[in-house]
Amino acid sequence: MEINKSLPSKVEAMVEYKEMKHFKKWIPWLIPFFVIVNVIVFIITMYENDCPNNSVVCIARFLGRFSFQPFHENPLLGPSLLTLTSMGALDVHQVVYRHQGWRLMTCMWLHGGVFHLLANMLGILVVGIRLEQDFGFVLIGVLYVISGFGGSLLSSLFIQQRISVGASSALFGLLGAMLSELITNWSIYEKRLGTLITLVSIIVINLAVGIFPHVDNFAHIGGFISGFLLGFVFLIRPQFGWIKQKYATPAYPSLVKSKFKIYQCISWLLALILLIVGFTLGLVALLRGVDANDHCSWCHYLSYSADRQPDERDMLEQWKIHNILYATSDRFQDP
């Protein structure tokens, strides 16, 4: 924080106090609430899975209905694909041909297993609480949900032969927002270069993990891009000089008159346009059944799931899921 040293100490103290009020800290409750919801949904999913009544082999059978599917079926200690699909996992076939667009939202509250859940919830708590303290529950809550939706949208355009679940798209949205917030509010931070390098390194490492099996990296990338653009729109801060000018006495005017710098306004407008255009084109392409891999010959290298073709066991499992769901729900329509 840079303060005009020519101001008398009394006025200087008053301005600092006003600035602190303008940048007040919020009490975080929404992000912890989201974490609790994710945990509760996972417990419900395991209850619905009921491994002992549906599988010959279960892990931790002493847990009864909450025991896990065998490792060869789910290495993350979790439910079956059928259970995840019936609970609202992202399945492009259901979204496009059965008009179940709600899966783009519900999938971000489901998790493939205990390891998956713990990793995502830890990251969301670490990143999300810090952002909610600085910007409040409304902005961060909206950012979380839209980022999750953006990750689901990009995933559904590139990975169409497998189901996808998890809050990692929202987590990457929070990371992207943290990065854009640092960039757009660059002038108000100290040691900003070191912070930037650290943050970029964390993001790159986490995106690199997406090339490993059982990871939907397109959901990560879509969530990150959505959160990065939303950060420019939602998390822009006014200049300290404008705040001092607003609250200081007329005898001590500030040299800064504009609330935001020019580059902040330009980035805000560009990010808003890109968000609107990107989501519109993505939804239109998805509803038309477009496979984005046909238009990007190298994109499949960004995610293991997109790079590997489904084997016979994968195809049989998906066939069983589609047919069982069709037989048990009168809402489904033939494509």
C-alpha atoms as a PDB file:
ATOM      1  CA  MET A   1       0.000   0.000   0.000  1.00  0.00           C
ATOM      2  CA  GLU A   2       1.474   3.326  -1.057  1.00  0.00           C
ATOM      3  CA  ILE A   3       0.463   6.370   0.998  1.00  0.00           C
ATOM      4  CA  ASN A   4       1.136   9.986   0.129  1.00  0.00           C
ATOM      5  CA  LYS A   5       3.872  10.975   2.604  1.00  0.00           C
ATOM      6  CA  SER A   6       3.014  14.666   2.355  1.00  0.00           C
ATOM      7  CA  LEU A   7      -0.235  14.171   4.242  1.00  0.00           C
ATOM      8  CA  PRO A   8      -0.240  14.957   7.965  1.00  0.00           C
ATOM      9  CA  SER A   9      -0.200  11.866  10.140  1.00  0.00           C
ATOM     10  CA  LYS A  10      -3.815  12.357  11.319  1.00  0.00           C
ATOM     11  CA  VAL A  11      -5.187  12.531   7.788  1.00  0.00           C
ATOM     12  CA  GLU A  12      -2.866   9.698   6.757  1.00  0.00           C
ATOM     13  CA  ALA A  13      -4.220   7.482   9.515  1.00  0.00           C
ATOM     14  CA  MET A  14      -7.801   8.354   8.578  1.00  0.00           C
ATOM     15  CA  VAL A  15      -7.214   7.487   4.914  1.00  0.00           C
ATOM     16  CA  GLU A  16      -5.530   4.192   5.828  1.00  0.00           C
ATOM     17  CA  TYR A  17      -8.520   3.293   7.981  1.00  0.00           C
ATOM     18  CA  LYS A  18     -10.946   4.133   5.183  1.00  0.00           C
ATOM     19  CA  GLU A  19      -8.913   2.014   2.792  1.00  0.00           C
ATOM     20  CA  MET A  20      -9.042  -0.925   5.153  1.00  0.00           C
ATOM     21  CA  LYS A  21     -12.816  -0.615   5.306  1.00  0.00           C
ATOM     22  CA  HIS A  22     -13.023  -0.575   1.512  1.00  0.00           C
ATOM     23  CA  PHE A  23     -10.875  -3.726   1.323  1.00  0.00           C
ATOM     24  CA  LYS A  24     -12.484  -5.420   4.284  1.00  0.00           C
ATOM     25  CA  LYS A  25     -12.041  -9.092   5.051  1.00  0.00           C
ATOM     26  CA  TRP A  26     -15.102 -11.309   4.766  1.00  0.00           C
ATOM     27  CA  ILE A  27     -15.841 -14.268   7.005  1.00  0.00           C
ATOM     28  CA  PRO A  28     -15.662 -17.314   4.695  1.00  0.00           C
ATOM     29  CA  TRP A  29     -18.597 -19.695   4.984  1.00  0.00           C
ATOM     30  CA  LEU A  30     -19.702 -20.547   1.436  1.00  0.00           C
ATOM     31  CA  ILE A  31     -16.563 -22.441   0.408  1.00  0.00           C
ATOM     32  CA  PRO A  32     -16.658 -24.620   3.568  1.00  0.00           C
ATOM     33  CA  PHE A  33     -20.363 -25.141   2.865  1.00  0.00           C
ATOM     34  CA  PHE A  34     -19.563 -26.304  -0.684  1.00  0.00           C
ATOM     35  CA  VAL A  35     -17.036 -28.748   0.751  1.00  0.00           C
ATOM     36  CA  ILE A  36     -19.636 -30.133   3.162  1.00  0.00           C
ATOM     37  CA  VAL A  37     -22.134 -30.517   0.296  1.00  0.00           C
ATOM     38  CA  ASN A  38     -19.571 -32.445  -1.759  1.00  0.00           C
ATOM     39  CA  VAL A  39     -18.877 -34.785   1.153  1.00  0.00           C
ATOM     40  CA  ILE A  40     -22.592 -35.364   1.787  1.00  0.00           C
ATOM     41  CA  VAL A  41     -23.228 -36.072  -1.918  1.00  0.00           C
ATOM     42  CA  PHE A  42     -20.366 -38.597  -1.912  1.00  0.00           C
ATOM     43  CA  ILE A  43     -21.851 -40.367   1.126  1.00  0.00           C
ATOM     44  CA  ILE A  44     -25.253 -40.500  -0.586  1.00  0.00           C
ATOM     45  CA  THR A  45     -23.598 -41.841  -3.744  1.00  0.00           C
ATOM     46  CA  MET A  46     -21.908 -44.626  -1.807  1.00  0.00           C
ATOM     47  CA  TYR A  47     -25.203 -45.464  -0.105  1.00  0.00           C
ATOM     48  CA  GLU A  48     -26.922 -45.719  -3.480  1.00  0.00           C
ATOM     49  CA  ASN A  49     -24.035 -47.765  -4.858  1.00  0.00           C
ATOM     50  CA  ASP A  50     -24.602 -50.586  -2.318  1.00  0.00           C
ATOM     51  CA  CYS A  51     -21.638 -52.655  -3.495  1.00  0.00           C
ATOM     52  CA  PRO A  52     -22.458 -55.874  -1.535  1.00  0.00           C
ATOM     53  CA  ASN A  53     -25.783 -56.230  -3.373  1.00  0.00           C
ATOM     54  CA  ASN A  54     -24.380 -55.421  -6.806  1.00  0.00           C
ATOM     55  CA  SER A  55     -20.868 -56.868  -6.918  1.00  0.00           C
ATOM     56  CA  VAL A  56     -19.259 -60.157  -5.943  1.00  0.00           C
ATOM     57  CA  VAL A  57     -16.092 -58.453  -4.706  1.00  0.00           C
ATOM     58  CA  CYS A  58     -16.057 -55.277  -2.602  1.00  0.00           C
ATOM     59  CA  ILE A  59     -13.343 -53.393  -0.735  1.00  0.00           C
ATOM     60  CA  ALA A  60     -13.912 -52.784   2.997  1.00  0.00           C
ATOM     61  CA  ARG A  61     -17.034 -54.950   2.984  1.00  0.00           C
ATOM     62  CA  PHE A  62     -17.436 -54.306   6.721  1.00  0.00           C
ATOM     63  CA  LEU A  63     -18.758 -50.863   5.751  1.00  0.00           C
ATOM     64  CA  GLY A  64     -21.882 -52.513   4.367  1.00  0.00           C
ATOM     65  CA  ARG A  65     -23.659 -50.396   1.749  1.00  0.00           C
ATOM     66  CA  PHE A  66     -20.778 -47.927   1.904  1.00  0.00           C
ATOM     67  CA  SER A  67     -18.095 -50.416   0.849  1.00  0.00           C
ATOM     68  CA  PHE A  68     -16.131 -49.654  -2.324  1.00  0.00           C
ATOM     69  CA  GLN A  69     -16.028 -51.214  -5.766  1.00  0.00           C
ATOM     70  CA  PRO A  70     -13.007 -53.449  -6.486  1.00  0.00           C
ATOM     71  CA  PHE A  71      -9.801 -51.740  -7.591  1.00  0.00           C
ATOM     72  CA  HIS A  72      -9.935 -53.114 -11.128  1.00  0.00           C
ATOM     73  CA  GLU A  73     -13.266 -51.306 -11.532  1.00  0.00           C
ATOM     74  CA  ASN A  74     -12.532 -48.125  -9.565  1.00  0.00           C
ATOM     75  CA  PRO A  75      -8.975 -47.534  -8.280  1.00  0.00           C
ATOM     76  CA  LEU A  76     -10.045 -44.381  -6.399  1.00  0.00           C
ATOM     77  CA  LEU A  77     -12.061 -46.175  -3.679  1.00  0.00           C
ATOM     78  CA  GLY A  78     -15.503 -45.223  -4.889  1.00  0.00           C
ATOM     79  CA  PRO A  79     -18.742 -46.304  -6.585  1.00  0.00           C
ATOM     80  CA  SER A  80     -19.410 -47.888  -9.951  1.00  0.00           C
ATOM     81  CA  LEU A  81     -19.766 -46.048 -13.244  1.00  0.00           C
ATOM     82  CA  LEU A  82     -23.440 -46.962 -13.325  1.00  0.00           C
ATOM     83  CA  THR A  83     -24.055 -45.359  -9.933  1.00  0.00           C
ATOM     84  CA  LEU A  84     -22.173 -42.195 -10.893  1.00  0.00           C
ATOM     85  CA  THR A  85     -24.129 -41.939 -14.135  1.00  0.00           C
ATOM     86  CA  SER A  86     -27.469 -42.409 -12.406  1.00  0.00           C
ATOM     87  CA  MET A  87     -26.487 -39.736  -9.847  1.00  0.00           C
ATOM     88  CA  GLY A  88     -25.770 -37.143 -12.549  1.00  0.00           C
ATOM     89  CA  ALA A  89     -22.286 -37.690 -13.971  1.00  0.00           C
ATOM     90  CA  LEU A  90     -21.416 -35.902 -17.198  1.00  0.00           C
ATOM     91  CA  ASP A  91     -22.357 -38.224 -20.056  1.00  0.00           C
ATOM     92  CA  VAL A  92     -22.346 -36.499 -23.441  1.00  0.00           C
ATOM     93  CA  HIS A  93     -24.741 -39.037 -24.933  1.00  0.00           C
ATOM     94  CA  GLN A  94     -27.328 -38.211 -22.274  1.00  0.00           C
ATOM     95  CA  VAL A  95     -26.754 -34.457 -22.627  1.00  0.00           C
ATOM     96  CA  VAL A  96     -27.028 -34.289 -26.406  1.00  0.00           C
ATOM     97  CA  TYR A  97     -29.543 -37.002 -27.272  1.00  0.00           C
ATOM     98  CA  ARG A  98     -31.607 -37.269 -24.085  1.00  0.00           C
ATOM     99  CA  HIS A  99     -31.707 -33.512 -23.390  1.00  0.00           C
ATOM    100  CA  GLN A 100     -30.176 -33.788 -19.920  1.00  0.00           C
ATOM    101  CA  GLY A 101     -28.217 -30.556 -19.887  1.00  0.00           C
ATOM    102  CA  TRP A 102     -28.420 -30.485 -16.097  1.00  0.00           C
ATOM    103  CA  ARG A 103     -25.576 -33.009 -16.051  1.00  0.00           C
ATOM    104  CA  LEU A 104     -23.205 -30.156 -16.947  1.00  0.00           C
ATOM    105  CA  MET A 105     -23.889 -28.835 -13.431  1.00  0.00           C
ATOM    106  CA  THR A 106     -24.524 -31.945 -11.331  1.00  0.00           C
ATOM    107  CA  CYS A 107     -21.281 -33.663 -12.317  1.00  0.00           C
ATOM    108  CA  MET A 108     -19.224 -31.081 -10.425  1.00  0.00           C
ATOM    109  CA  TRP A 109     -20.752 -32.227  -7.114  1.00  0.00           C
ATOM    110  CA  LEU A 110     -19.905 -35.902  -7.654  1.00  0.00           C
ATOM    111  CA  HIS A 111     -16.576 -37.655  -7.103  1.00  0.00           C
ATOM    112  CA  GLY A 112     -15.108 -40.899  -8.318  1.00  0.00           C
ATOM    113  CA  GLY A 113     -13.699 -41.969  -4.974  1.00  0.00           C
ATOM    114  CA  VAL A 114     -12.255 -41.082  -1.597  1.00  0.00           C
ATOM    115  CA  PHE A 115      -8.869 -40.054  -3.012  1.00  0.00           C
ATOM    116  CA  HIS A 116     -10.540 -37.904  -5.646  1.00  0.00           C
ATOM    117  CA  LEU A 117     -12.756 -36.215  -3.063  1.00  0.00           C
ATOM    118  CA  LEU A 118      -9.956 -35.503  -0.572  1.00  0.00           C
ATOM    119  CA  ALA A 119      -7.626 -34.004  -3.181  1.00  0.00           C
ATOM    120  CA  ASN A 120     -10.287 -31.660  -4.561  1.00  0.00           C
ATOM    121  CA  MET A 121     -11.682 -30.579  -1.200  1.00  0.00           C
ATOM    122  CA  LEU A 122      -8.224 -29.765   0.187  1.00  0.00           C
ATOM    123  CA  GLY A 123      -7.427 -27.596  -2.827  1.00  0.00           C
ATOM    124  CA  ILE A 124     -10.796 -25.847  -2.740  1.00  0.00           C
ATOM    125  CA  LEU A 125     -10.396 -25.015   0.946  1.00  0.00           C
ATOM    126  CA  VAL A 126      -6.871 -23.647   0.529  1.00  0.00           C
ATOM    127  CA  VAL A 127      -7.621 -21.498  -2.531  1.00  0.00           C
ATOM    128  CA  GLY A 128     -11.310 -20.754  -2.064  1.00  0.00           C
ATOM    129  CA  ILE A 129     -11.203 -19.517   1.524  1.00  0.00           C
ATOM    130  CA  ARG A 130      -8.506 -16.987   0.679  1.00  0.00           C
ATOM    131  CA  LEU A 131     -10.539 -15.629  -2.236  1.00  0.00           C
ATOM    132  CA  GLU A 132     -13.778 -15.549  -0.260  1.00  0.00           C
ATOM    133  CA  GLN A 133     -12.068 -13.612   2.538  1.00  0.00           C
ATOM    134  CA  ASP A 134     -10.980 -10.968   0.042  1.00  0.00           C
ATOM    135  CA  PHE A 135     -14.007 -10.751  -2.256  1.00  0.00           C
ATOM    136  CA  GLY A 136     -17.021 -12.156  -0.422  1.00  0.00           C
ATOM    137  CA  PHE A 137     -19.277 -15.156  -0.875  1.00  0.00           C
ATOM    138  CA  VAL A 138     -21.409 -13.792  -3.740  1.00  0.00           C
ATOM    139  CA  LEU A 139     -18.610 -13.236  -6.271  1.00  0.00           C
ATOM    140  CA  ILE A 140     -16.662 -16.357  -5.342  1.00  0.00           C
ATOM    141  CA  GLY A 141     -19.799 -18.512  -5.263  1.00  0.00           C
ATOM    142  CA  VAL A 142     -20.814 -17.413  -8.760  1.00  0.00           C
ATOM    143  CA  LEU A 143     -17.237 -17.803  -9.978  1.00  0.00           C
ATOM    144  CA  TYR A 144     -17.059 -21.334  -8.538  1.00  0.00           C
ATOM    145  CA  VAL A 145     -20.268 -22.484 -10.227  1.00  0.00           C
ATOM    146  CA  ILE A 146     -19.594 -20.876 -13.617  1.00  0.00           C
ATOM    147  CA  SER A 147     -16.040 -22.262 -13.675  1.00  0.00           C
ATOM    148  CA  GLY A 148     -17.377 -25.737 -12.953  1.00  0.00           C
ATOM    149  CA  PHE A 149     -19.863 -25.348 -15.789  1.00  0.00           C
ATOM    150  CA  GLY A 150     -17.124 -24.134 -18.130  1.00  0.00           C
ATOM    151  CA  GLY A 151     -15.001 -27.162 -17.327  1.00  0.00           C
ATOM    152  CA  SER A 152     -17.932 -29.490 -17.992  1.00  0.00           C
ATOM    153  CA  LEU A 153     -18.642 -27.764 -21.290  1.00  0.00           C
ATOM    154  CA  LEU A 154     -15.096 -28.097 -22.633  1.00  0.00           C
ATOM    155  CA  SER A 155     -14.841 -31.676 -21.400  1.00  0.00           C
ATOM    156  CA  SER A 156     -18.061 -32.641 -23.170  1.00  0.00           C
ATOM    157  CA  LEU A 157     -16.731 -31.254 -26.456  1.00  0.00           C
ATOM    158  CA  PHE A 158     -13.535 -33.342 -26.365  1.00  0.00           C
ATOM    159  CA  ILE A 159     -14.261 -36.431 -24.247  1.00  0.00           C
ATOM    160  CA  GLN A 160     -17.465 -38.026 -25.487  1.00  0.00           C
ATOM    161  CA  GLN A 161     -16.894 -41.736 -24.853  1.00  0.00           C
ATOM    162  CA  ARG A 162     -16.554 -41.614 -21.054  1.00  0.00           C
ATOM    163  CA  ILE A 163     -18.352 -40.128 -18.089  1.00  0.00           C
ATOM    164  CA  SER A 164     -16.756 -37.360 -16.033  1.00  0.00           C
ATOM    165  CA  VAL A 165     -17.241 -36.194 -12.444  1.00  0.00           C
ATOM    166  CA  GLY A 166     -15.495 -33.941  -9.939  1.00  0.00           C
ATOM    167  CA  ALA A 167     -15.119 -30.428  -8.585  1.00  0.00           C
ATOM    168  CA  SER A 168     -11.636 -30.017 -10.039  1.00  0.00           C
ATOM    169  CA  SER A 169     -12.970 -27.764 -12.808  1.00  0.00           C
ATOM    170  CA  ALA A 170     -14.241 -25.364 -10.129  1.00  0.00           C
ATOM    171  CA  LEU A 171     -10.926 -25.668  -8.276  1.00  0.00           C
ATOM    172  CA  PHE A 172      -9.000 -24.741 -11.416  1.00  0.00           C
ATOM    173  CA  GLY A 173     -11.433 -21.881 -11.917  1.00  0.00           C
ATOM    174  CA  LEU A 174     -10.460 -20.538  -8.490  1.00  0.00           C
ATOM    175  CA  LEU A 175      -6.775 -20.878  -9.393  1.00  0.00           C
ATOM    176  CA  GLY A 176      -7.364 -19.070 -12.684  1.00  0.00           C
ATOM    177  CA  ALA A 177      -9.244 -16.297 -10.905  1.00  0.00           C
ATOM    178  CA  MET A 178      -6.409 -15.926  -8.410  1.00  0.00           C
ATOM    179  CA  LEU A 179      -3.981 -15.467 -11.295  1.00  0.00           C
ATOM    180  CA  SER A 180      -6.078 -12.905 -13.184  1.00  0.00           C
ATOM    181  CA  GLU A 181      -6.806 -11.046  -9.942  1.00  0.00           C
ATOM    182  CA  LEU A 182      -3.070 -10.684  -9.370  1.00  0.00           C
ATOM    183  CA  ILE A 183      -2.580  -9.421 -12.926  1.00  0.00           C
ATOM    184  CA  THR A 184      -5.461  -6.934 -13.010  1.00  0.00           C
ATOM    185  CA  ASN A 185      -4.632  -5.573  -9.527  1.00  0.00           C
ATOM    186  CA  TRP A 186      -0.880  -5.695 -10.137  1.00  0.00           C
ATOM    187  CA  SER A 187      -0.081  -2.234  -8.767  1.00  0.00           C
ATOM    188  CA  ILE A 188      -1.485  -2.827  -5.269  1.00  0.00           C
ATOM    189  CA  TYR A 189       0.645  -5.857  -4.392  1.00  0.00           C
ATOM    190  CA  GLU A 190       4.109  -6.097  -2.918  1.00  0.00           C
ATOM    191  CA  LYS A 191       6.489  -8.898  -4.000  1.00  0.00           C
ATOM    192  CA  ARG A 192       4.124  -9.484  -6.896  1.00  0.00           C
ATOM    193  CA  LEU A 193       6.687 -11.040  -9.252  1.00  0.00           C
ATOM    194  CA  GLY A 194       7.548 -13.781  -6.785  1.00  0.00           C
ATOM    195  CA  THR A 195       3.854 -14.392  -6.151  1.00  0.00           C
ATOM    196  CA  LEU A 196       3.215 -14.597  -9.894  1.00  0.00           C
ATOM    197  CA  ILE A 197       6.000 -17.130 -10.454  1.00  0.00           C
ATOM    198  CA  THR A 198       4.810 -19.273  -7.553  1.00  0.00           C
ATOM    199  CA  LEU A 199       1.192 -19.212  -8.688  1.00  0.00           C
ATOM    200  CA  VAL A 200       2.006 -20.001 -12.326  1.00  0.00           C
ATOM    201  CA  SER A 201       4.237 -22.884 -11.211  1.00  0.00           C
ATOM    202  CA  ILE A 202       1.415 -24.378  -9.116  1.00  0.00           C
ATOM    203  CA  ILE A 203      -1.034 -24.081 -12.018  1.00  0.00           C
ATOM    204  CA  VAL A 204       1.372 -25.630 -14.551  1.00  0.00           C
ATOM    205  CA  ILE A 205       2.175 -28.566 -12.262  1.00  0.00           C
ATOM    206  CA  ASN A 206      -1.498 -29.260 -11.618  1.00  0.00           C
ATOM    207  CA  LEU A 207      -2.369 -29.060 -15.314  1.00  0.00           C
ATOM    208  CA  ALA A 208       0.507 -31.438 -16.072  1.00  0.00           C
ATOM    209  CA  VAL A 209      -1.080 -34.004 -13.769  1.00  0.00           C
ATOM    210  CA  GLY A 210      -3.967 -34.087 -16.228  1.00  0.00           C
ATOM    211  CA  ILE A 211      -1.984 -36.202 -18.697  1.00  0.00           C
ATOM    212  CA  PHE A 212      -2.154 -39.181 -16.310  1.00  0.00           C
ATOM    213  CA  PRO A 213      -4.863 -41.869 -16.503  1.00  0.00           C
ATOM    214  CA  HIS A 214      -8.321 -41.306 -15.002  1.00  0.00           C
ATOM    215  CA  VAL A 215      -7.924 -37.512 -15.128  1.00  0.00           C
ATOM    216  CA  ASP A 216     -10.162 -35.296 -17.269  1.00  0.00           C
ATOM    217  CA  ASN A 217      -7.710 -32.544 -18.138  1.00  0.00           C
ATOM    218  CA  PHE A 218     -10.148 -30.785 -20.461  1.00  0.00           C
ATOM    219  CA  ALA A 219     -12.378 -30.131 -17.443  1.00  0.00           C
ATOM    220  CA  HIS A 220      -9.332 -28.631 -15.716  1.00  0.00           C
ATOM    221  CA  ILE A 221      -8.476 -26.466 -18.711  1.00  0.00           C
ATOM    222  CA  GLY A 222     -12.063 -25.328 -19.233  1.00  0.00           C
ATOM    223  CA  GLY A 223     -12.452 -24.470 -15.566  1.00  0.00           C
ATOM    224  CA  PHE A 224      -9.139 -22.619 -15.525  1.00  0.00           C
ATOM    225  CA  ILE A 225      -9.948 -20.530 -18.613  1.00  0.00           C
ATOM    226  CA  SER A 226     -13.417 -19.699 -17.270  1.00  0.00           C
ATOM    227  CA  GLY A 227     -12.071 -18.695 -13.862  1.00  0.00           C
ATOM    228  CA  PHE A 228      -9.198 -16.741 -15.395  1.00  0.00           C
ATOM    229  CA  LEU A 229     -11.581 -14.621 -17.492  1.00  0.00           C
ATOM    230  CA  LEU A 230     -14.090 -14.258 -14.647  1.00  0.00           C
ATOM    231  CA  GLY A 231     -11.320 -12.957 -12.419  1.00  0.00           C
ATOM    232  CA  PHE A 232     -10.849  -9.952 -14.691  1.00  0.00           C
ATOM    233  CA  VAL A 233     -14.600  -9.285 -14.542  1.00  0.00           C
ATOM    234  CA  PHE A 234     -15.410 -10.002 -10.870  1.00  0.00           C
ATOM    235  CA  LEU A 235     -12.205  -9.355  -8.929  1.00  0.00           C
ATOM    236  CA  ILE A 236     -11.094  -5.954 -10.196  1.00  0.00           C
ATOM    237  CA  ARG A 237     -10.073  -3.534  -7.415  1.00  0.00           C
ATOM    238  CA  PRO A 238     -10.001   0.288  -7.518  1.00  0.00           C
ATOM    239  CA  GLN A 239      -6.721   2.138  -7.223  1.00  0.00           C
ATOM    240  CA  PHE A 240      -5.585   3.158  -3.755  1.00  0.00           C
ATOM    241  CA  GLY A 241      -5.136   6.691  -5.018  1.00  0.00           C
ATOM    242  CA  TRP A 242      -8.817   6.863  -6.002  1.00  0.00           C
ATOM    243  CA  ILE A 243      -9.844   5.660  -2.543  1.00  0.00           C
ATOM    244  CA  LYS A 244      -7.653   8.286  -0.864  1.00  0.00           C
ATOM    245  CA  GLN A 245      -9.097  10.931  -3.137  1.00  0.00           C
ATOM    246  CA  LYS A 246     -12.611   9.814  -2.248  1.00  0.00           C
ATOM    247  CA  TYR A 247     -12.132   9.923   1.530  1.00  0.00           C
ATOM    248  CA  ALA A 248      -9.377  12.463   2.112  1.00  0.00           C
ATOM    249  CA  THR A 249     -10.192  16.113   2.898  1.00  0.00           C
ATOM    250  CA  PRO A 250     -10.222  18.626   0.003  1.00  0.00           C
ATOM    251  CA  ALA A 251      -7.068  20.251   1.380  1.00  0.00           C
ATOM    252  CA  TYR A 252      -5.123  17.129   0.469  1.00  0.00           C
ATOM    253  CA  PRO A 253      -6.310  16.025  -2.972  1.00  0.00           C
ATOM    254  CA  SER A 254      -4.951  12.896  -4.610  1.00  0.00           C
ATOM    255  CA  LEU A 255      -3.272  12.963  -8.006  1.00  0.00           C
ATOM    256  CA  VAL A 256      -5.199   9.894  -9.161  1.00  0.00           C
ATOM    257  CA  LYS A 257      -8.731  10.666 -10.339  1.00  0.00           C
ATOM    258  CA  SER A 258      -9.876   7.548 -12.167  1.00  0.00           C
ATOM    259  CA  LYS A 259     -11.213   4.594 -10.203  1.00  0.00           C
ATOM    260  CA  PHE A 260      -9.573   1.985 -12.430  1.00  0.00           C
ATOM    261  CA  LYS A 261      -6.534   2.010 -14.651  1.00  0.00           C
ATOM    262  CA  ILE A 262      -6.966   1.815 -18.409  1.00  0.00           C
ATOM    263  CA  TYR A 263      -5.541  -1.691 -18.678  1.00  0.00           C
ATOM    264  CA  GLN A 264      -8.020  -2.863 -16.016  1.00  0.00           C
ATOM    265  CA  CYS A 265     -10.944  -1.547 -18.041  1.00  0.00           C
ATOM    266  CA  ILE A 266      -9.654  -3.052 -21.285  1.00  0.00           C
ATOM    267  CA  SER A 267      -9.059  -6.469 -19.711  1.00  0.00           C
ATOM    268  CA  TRP A 268     -12.519  -6.351 -18.082  1.00  0.00           C
ATOM    269  CA  LEU A 269     -14.207  -5.717 -21.435  1.00  0.00           C
ATOM    270  CA  LEU A 270     -12.171  -8.287 -23.368  1.00  0.00           C
ATOM    271  CA  ALA A 271     -12.729 -10.959 -20.713  1.00  0.00           C
ATOM    272  CA  LEU A 272     -16.484 -10.337 -20.683  1.00  0.00           C
ATOM    273  CA  ILE A 273     -16.688 -10.591 -24.482  1.00  0.00           C
ATOM    274  CA  LEU A 274     -14.618 -13.788 -24.553  1.00  0.00           C
ATOM    275  CA  LEU A 275     -16.796 -15.348 -21.850  1.00  0.00           C
ATOM    276  CA  ILE A 276     -20.044 -14.600 -23.658  1.00  0.00           C
ATOM    277  CA  VAL A 277     -18.739 -15.711 -27.060  1.00  0.00           C
ATOM    278  CA  GLY A 278     -16.987 -18.793 -25.678  1.00  0.00           C
ATOM    279  CA  PHE A 279     -19.954 -20.117 -23.705  1.00  0.00           C
ATOM    280  CA  THR A 280     -22.368 -19.397 -26.559  1.00  0.00           C
ATOM    281  CA  LEU A 281     -20.272 -21.163 -29.201  1.00  0.00           C
ATOM    282  CA  GLY A 282     -19.514 -24.040 -26.844  1.00  0.00           C
ATOM    283  CA  LEU A 283     -23.172 -24.683 -26.024  1.00  0.00           C
ATOM    284  CA  VAL A 284     -24.224 -24.473 -29.665  1.00  0.00           C
ATOM    285  CA  ALA A 285     -21.474 -26.899 -30.688  1.00  0.00           C
ATOM    286  CA  LEU A 286     -22.363 -29.335 -27.896  1.00  0.00           C
ATOM    287  CA  LEU A 287     -26.081 -29.373 -28.665  1.00  0.00           C
ATOM    288  CA  ARG A 288     -25.282 -30.016 -32.323  1.00  0.00           C
ATOM    289  CA  GLY A 289     -23.201 -33.040 -31.325  1.00  0.00           C
ATOM    290  CA  VAL A 290     -19.881 -31.591 -32.487  1.00  0.00           C
ATOM    291  CA  ASP A 291     -16.753 -33.565 -31.584  1.00  0.00           C
ATOM    292  CA  ALA A 292     -14.063 -30.921 -31.099  1.00  0.00           C
ATOM    293  CA  ASN A 293     -11.306 -33.488 -31.753  1.00  0.00           C
ATOM    294  CA  ASP A 294     -12.319 -33.417 -35.424  1.00  0.00           C
ATOM    295  CA  HIS A 295     -11.318 -29.749 -35.568  1.00  0.00           C
ATOM    296  CA  CYS A 296      -8.137 -29.948 -33.470  1.00  0.00           C
ATOM    297  CA  SER A 297      -5.705 -32.682 -34.462  1.00  0.00           C
ATOM    298  CA  TRP A 298      -3.341 -32.177 -31.518  1.00  0.00           C
ATOM    299  CA  CYS A 299      -5.762 -31.422 -28.677  1.00  0.00           C
ATOM    300  CA  HIS A 300      -6.059 -35.085 -27.687  1.00  0.00           C
ATOM    301  CA  TYR A 301      -2.499 -34.879 -26.335  1.00  0.00           C
ATOM    302  CA  LEU A 302      -3.749 -32.577 -23.575  1.00  0.00           C
ATOM    303  CA  SER A 303      -5.663 -35.342 -21.812  1.00  0.00           C
ATOM    304  CA  TYR A 304      -5.058 -39.064 -21.423  1.00  0.00           C
ATOM    305  CA  SER A 305      -8.785 -39.779 -21.615  1.00  0.00           C
ATOM    306  CA  ALA A 306      -9.067 -38.100 -25.007  1.00  0.00           C
ATOM    307  CA  ASP A 307      -5.868 -39.666 -26.339  1.00  0.00           C
ATOM    308  CA  ARG A 308      -6.867 -43.280 -25.577  1.00  0.00           C
ATOM    309  CA  GLN A 309      -9.659 -44.920 -27.549  1.00  0.00           C
ATOM    310  CA  PRO A 310     -12.188 -46.854 -25.457  1.00  0.00           C
ATOM    311  CA  ASP A 311     -11.455 -50.557 -25.229  1.00  0.00           C
ATOM    312  CA  GLU A 312     -14.114 -53.283 -25.449  1.00  0.00           C
ATOM    313  CA  ARG A 313     -14.695 -53.276 -21.685  1.00  0.00           C
ATOM    314  CA  ASP A 314     -15.257 -49.486 -21.731  1.00  0.00           C
ATOM    315  CA  MET A 315     -17.670 -49.756 -24.644  1.00  0.00           C
ATOM    316  CA  LEU A 316     -19.578 -52.612 -23.014  1.00  0.00           C
ATOM    317  CA  GLU A 317     -19.875 -50.681 -19.746  1.00  0.00           C
ATOM    318  CA  GLN A 318     -21.163 -47.572 -21.524  1.00  0.00           C
ATOM    319  CA  TRP A 319     -23.640 -49.707 -23.513  1.00  0.00           C
ATOM    320  CA  LYS A 320     -24.937 -51.251 -20.265  1.00  0.00           C
ATOM    321  CA  ILE A 321     -25.258 -47.825 -18.634  1.00  0.00           C
ATOM    322  CA  HIS A 322     -27.229 -46.350 -21.515  1.00  0.00           C
ATOM    323  CA  ASN A 323     -29.575 -49.322 -21.762  1.00  0.00           C
ATOM    324  CA  ILE A 324     -30.189 -49.629 -18.028  1.00  0.00           C
ATOM    325  CA  LEU A 325     -30.907 -45.923 -17.722  1.00  0.00           C
ATOM    326  CA  TYR A 326     -33.222 -46.072 -20.715  1.00  0.00           C
ATOM    327  CA  ALA A 327     -35.177 -48.948 -19.178  1.00  0.00           C
ATOM    328  CA  THR A 328     -35.549 -47.301 -15.769  1.00  0.00           C
ATOM    329  CA  SER A 329     -36.590 -43.780 -16.712  1.00  0.00           C
ATOM    330  CA  ASP A 330     -39.634 -42.704 -18.710  1.00  0.00           C
ATOM    331  CA  ARG A 331     -38.043 -39.294 -19.321  1.00  0.00           C
ATOM    332  CA  PHE A 332     -35.601 -40.664 -21.881  1.00  0.00           C
ATOM    333  CA  GLN A 333     -36.331 -40.252 -25.565  1.00  0.00           C
ATOM    334  CA  ASP A 334     -34.700 -42.194 -28.369  1.00  0.00           C
ATOM    335  CA  PRO A 335     -32.166 -40.086 -30.282  1.00  0.00           C
END
